[in-house]
C-alpha cells in the first residue's frame, strides 16, 4: 500500500493531522470571541505583544485577532488541499501536491516565527516553547520537501540503428 508514497508525503500527512484540527479550533475560538480567543494559550503571546508593545485600541485588537484567525485558516486550507491532491495516485507519484504543502509550510512557518518572536519579547515561555516546536516541525518538513524530489519516470532509449539505417514499419 505504501510502496509509492514518498517520505515528504507521509511527513505532510502527519503535519496536516496536527495542524488542521489544532489551528482550526484556535481560529474558530478567535472568530467566535475575538478578544477572549486571542488571550487563550496558543495566541496569548500575540495578544500581549499587541496590547503592550503596539498599544492598539480595542477594535484594532479585534481586527488583529481576526487577521490572525484568517492566517491560520489559510494554512489549514492549504493543508486540506494537499491532502485532497494526495488522494489522487497519479498526482501523488508525480509530486503534484507538493505546491500546496509548500505554501502551507511557508505561511505557517512565518506565522510561527512571528509568534515566537512576540513570545520572547513579552516573556511568555510556554507560548515560546509552543511556537518554537511548531516552527521546528514546519522547517523540518520544508527541508525534507526540498531535498526529496519526485521519482522521474525512466525514459527507455533504444539502441542506435546500425549504419544509421532508417527504421521502416516492415523492419520491426
Protein backbone atom coordinates (compact mmCIF):
# COMPACT_ATOMS: atom_id res chain seq x y z
CA UNK A 1 0.00 0.00 0.00
CA UNK A 2 2.77 2.45 0.88
CA UNK A 3 5.21 1.49 -1.85
CA UNK A 4 4.58 4.60 -3.96
CA UNK A 5 4.48 7.08 -1.06
CA UNK A 6 7.41 9.40 -0.52
CA UNK A 7 8.76 10.46 2.87
CA UNK A 8 7.75 14.08 2.22
CA UNK A 9 4.17 13.00 1.58
CA UNK A 10 3.98 10.96 4.77
CA UNK A 11 5.55 13.83 6.71
CA UNK A 12 3.00 16.23 5.22
CA UNK A 13 0.13 13.96 6.20
CA UNK A 14 1.39 13.80 9.79
CA UNK A 15 1.76 17.59 9.90
CA UNK A 16 -1.72 18.05 8.45
CA UNK A 17 -3.08 15.68 11.10
CA UNK A 18 -1.75 18.05 13.76
CA UNK A 19 -2.23 21.48 12.19
CA UNK A 20 -5.71 21.08 10.69
CA UNK A 21 -7.60 20.34 13.94
CA UNK A 22 -5.38 22.43 16.23
CA UNK A 23 -5.25 25.60 14.15
CA UNK A 24 -8.91 25.30 13.09
CA UNK A 25 -10.01 25.16 16.72
CA UNK A 26 -7.82 28.15 17.60
CA UNK A 27 -9.15 30.15 14.63
CA UNK A 28 -12.78 29.37 15.42
CA UNK A 29 -12.28 30.35 19.06
CA UNK A 30 -10.89 33.68 17.88
CA UNK A 31 -13.74 34.18 15.40
CA UNK A 32 -16.44 33.46 18.00
CA UNK A 33 -14.97 35.67 20.72
CA UNK A 34 -12.04 37.67 19.30
CA UNK A 35 -10.58 39.11 22.50
CA UNK A 36 -11.20 36.01 24.63
CA UNK A 37 -9.89 33.72 21.88
CA UNK A 38 -6.82 35.91 21.40
CA UNK A 39 -5.93 35.69 25.09
CA UNK A 40 -6.06 31.87 25.17
CA UNK A 41 -2.80 29.95 25.50
CA UNK A 42 -1.89 29.45 21.78
CA UNK A 43 -2.29 33.15 20.95
CA UNK A 44 -1.54 34.86 24.24
CA UNK A 45 1.92 36.00 23.12
CA UNK A 46 0.44 37.78 20.12
CA UNK A 47 -2.24 39.37 22.33
CA UNK A 48 0.26 40.58 24.90
CA UNK A 49 2.56 41.94 22.21
CA UNK A 50 -0.32 43.79 20.54
CA UNK A 51 -1.58 45.31 23.77
CA UNK A 52 1.80 46.05 25.42
CA UNK A 53 4.18 46.87 22.58
CA UNK A 54 1.87 48.21 19.87
CA UNK A 55 -0.70 49.78 22.27
CA UNK A 56 -3.64 49.12 19.96
CA UNK A 57 -7.19 50.09 20.80
CA UNK A 58 -9.92 47.51 21.43
CA UNK A 59 -11.28 47.49 17.90
CA UNK A 60 -7.77 47.30 16.42
CA UNK A 61 -7.06 44.33 18.68
CA UNK A 62 -10.20 42.61 17.38
CA UNK A 63 -9.10 43.26 13.79
CA UNK A 64 -5.65 41.87 14.53
CA UNK A 65 -7.26 38.80 16.12
CA UNK A 66 -9.39 38.21 13.03
CA UNK A 67 -6.33 38.63 10.83
CA UNK A 68 -4.51 36.01 12.91
CA UNK A 69 -7.51 33.66 12.61
CA UNK A 70 -7.62 34.22 8.85
CA UNK A 71 -3.92 33.40 8.54
CA UNK A 72 -4.38 30.19 10.49
CA UNK A 73 -7.37 29.19 8.35
CA UNK A 74 -5.38 29.82 5.16
CA UNK A 75 -2.69 27.43 6.40
CA UNK A 76 -5.40 24.88 7.27
CA UNK A 77 -6.95 25.28 3.80
CA UNK A 78 -3.63 24.60 2.06
CA UNK A 79 -3.05 21.52 4.21
CA UNK A 80 -6.56 20.32 3.24
CA UNK A 81 -5.81 20.94 -0.45
CA UNK A 82 -2.58 18.99 -0.01
CA UNK A 83 -4.50 16.04 1.44
CA UNK A 84 -7.08 16.19 -1.34
CA UNK A 85 -4.39 16.18 -4.03
CA UNK A 86 -2.52 13.44 -2.23
CA UNK A 87 -5.51 11.13 -2.50
CA UNK A 88 -5.10 11.00 -6.30
CA UNK A 89 -2.40 8.37 -7.01
CA UNK A 90 -1.19 9.89 -10.27
CA UNK A 91 -0.72 13.31 -8.66
CA UNK A 92 0.95 11.77 -5.60
CA UNK A 93 3.51 9.85 -7.68
CA UNK A 94 4.41 12.92 -9.72
CA UNK A 95 4.69 15.16 -6.66
CA UNK A 96 1.84 17.42 -7.76
CA UNK A 97 0.66 18.02 -4.21
CA UNK A 98 3.98 19.50 -3.12
CA UNK A 99 3.00 23.06 -4.07
CA UNK A 100 0.06 23.16 -1.68
CA UNK A 101 2.21 21.68 1.08
CA UNK A 102 4.98 24.19 0.37
CA UNK A 103 2.58 27.14 0.62
CA UNK A 104 1.17 25.81 3.90
CA UNK A 105 4.70 25.31 5.25
CA UNK A 106 5.88 28.80 4.27
CA UNK A 107 2.87 30.68 5.64
CA UNK A 108 2.77 28.51 8.78
CA UNK A 109 6.50 28.97 9.36
CA UNK A 110 6.22 32.74 9.04
CA UNK A 111 3.30 32.85 11.47
CA UNK A 112 5.03 30.56 13.97
CA UNK A 113 8.28 32.52 13.72
CA UNK A 114 6.50 35.84 14.25
CA UNK A 115 4.57 34.40 17.20
CA UNK A 116 7.79 33.01 18.65
CA UNK A 117 9.49 36.41 18.40
CA UNK A 118 6.47 38.06 20.03
CA UNK A 119 6.50 35.48 22.82
CA UNK A 120 10.16 36.15 23.50
CA UNK A 121 9.54 39.92 23.58
CA UNK A 122 6.77 39.65 26.19
CA UNK A 123 8.46 36.88 28.19
CA UNK A 124 5.79 34.21 27.72
CA UNK A 125 7.85 31.00 28.00
CA UNK A 126 5.04 28.45 27.46
CA UNK A 127 3.96 30.19 24.26
CA UNK A 128 7.61 30.47 23.19
CA UNK A 129 8.06 26.70 23.52
CA UNK A 130 4.80 26.02 21.64
CA UNK A 131 5.66 28.28 18.71
CA UNK A 132 9.27 27.10 18.59
CA UNK A 133 8.07 23.49 18.42
CA UNK A 134 5.62 24.31 15.64
CA UNK A 135 8.33 26.19 13.76
CA UNK A 136 10.75 23.27 14.04
CA UNK A 137 8.08 20.87 12.76
CA UNK A 138 7.38 23.09 9.78
CA UNK A 139 11.05 23.74 8.99
CA UNK A 140 11.85 20.01 9.22
CA UNK A 141 9.09 19.25 6.74
CA UNK A 142 10.38 22.01 4.47
CA UNK A 143 13.87 20.51 4.48
CA UNK A 144 12.50 17.06 3.62
CA UNK A 145 10.38 18.54 0.85
CA UNK A 146 13.33 20.44 -0.66
CA UNK A 147 15.76 17.51 -0.52
CA UNK A 148 13.42 14.77 -1.70
CA UNK A 149 12.39 15.09 -5.33
CA UNK A 150 9.64 13.06 -7.03
CA UNK A 151 10.75 9.96 -8.86
CA UNK A 152 11.15 10.69 -12.54
CA UNK A 153 9.83 8.03 -14.92
CA UNK A 154 12.51 6.17 -16.79
CA UNK A 155 12.84 7.01 -20.43
CA UNK A 156 13.80 3.92 -22.35
CA UNK A 157 16.30 4.67 -25.02
CA UNK A 158 16.63 2.41 -27.99
CA UNK A 159 20.00 1.42 -29.35
CA UNK A 160 21.08 3.46 -32.36
CA UNK A 161 20.47 1.82 -35.68
CA UNK A 162 23.44 0.22 -37.35
CA UNK A 163 24.93 2.41 -40.09
CA UNK A 164 22.22 4.99 -39.45
CA UNK A 165 19.69 2.78 -41.15
CA UNK A 166 16.18 4.16 -41.40
CA UNK A 167 13.62 2.25 -39.41
CA UNK A 168 10.68 1.26 -41.56
CA UNK A 169 7.43 -0.28 -40.45
CA UNK A 170 8.17 -3.68 -42.02
CA UNK A 171 11.63 -3.74 -40.35
CA UNK A 172 10.18 -4.06 -36.88
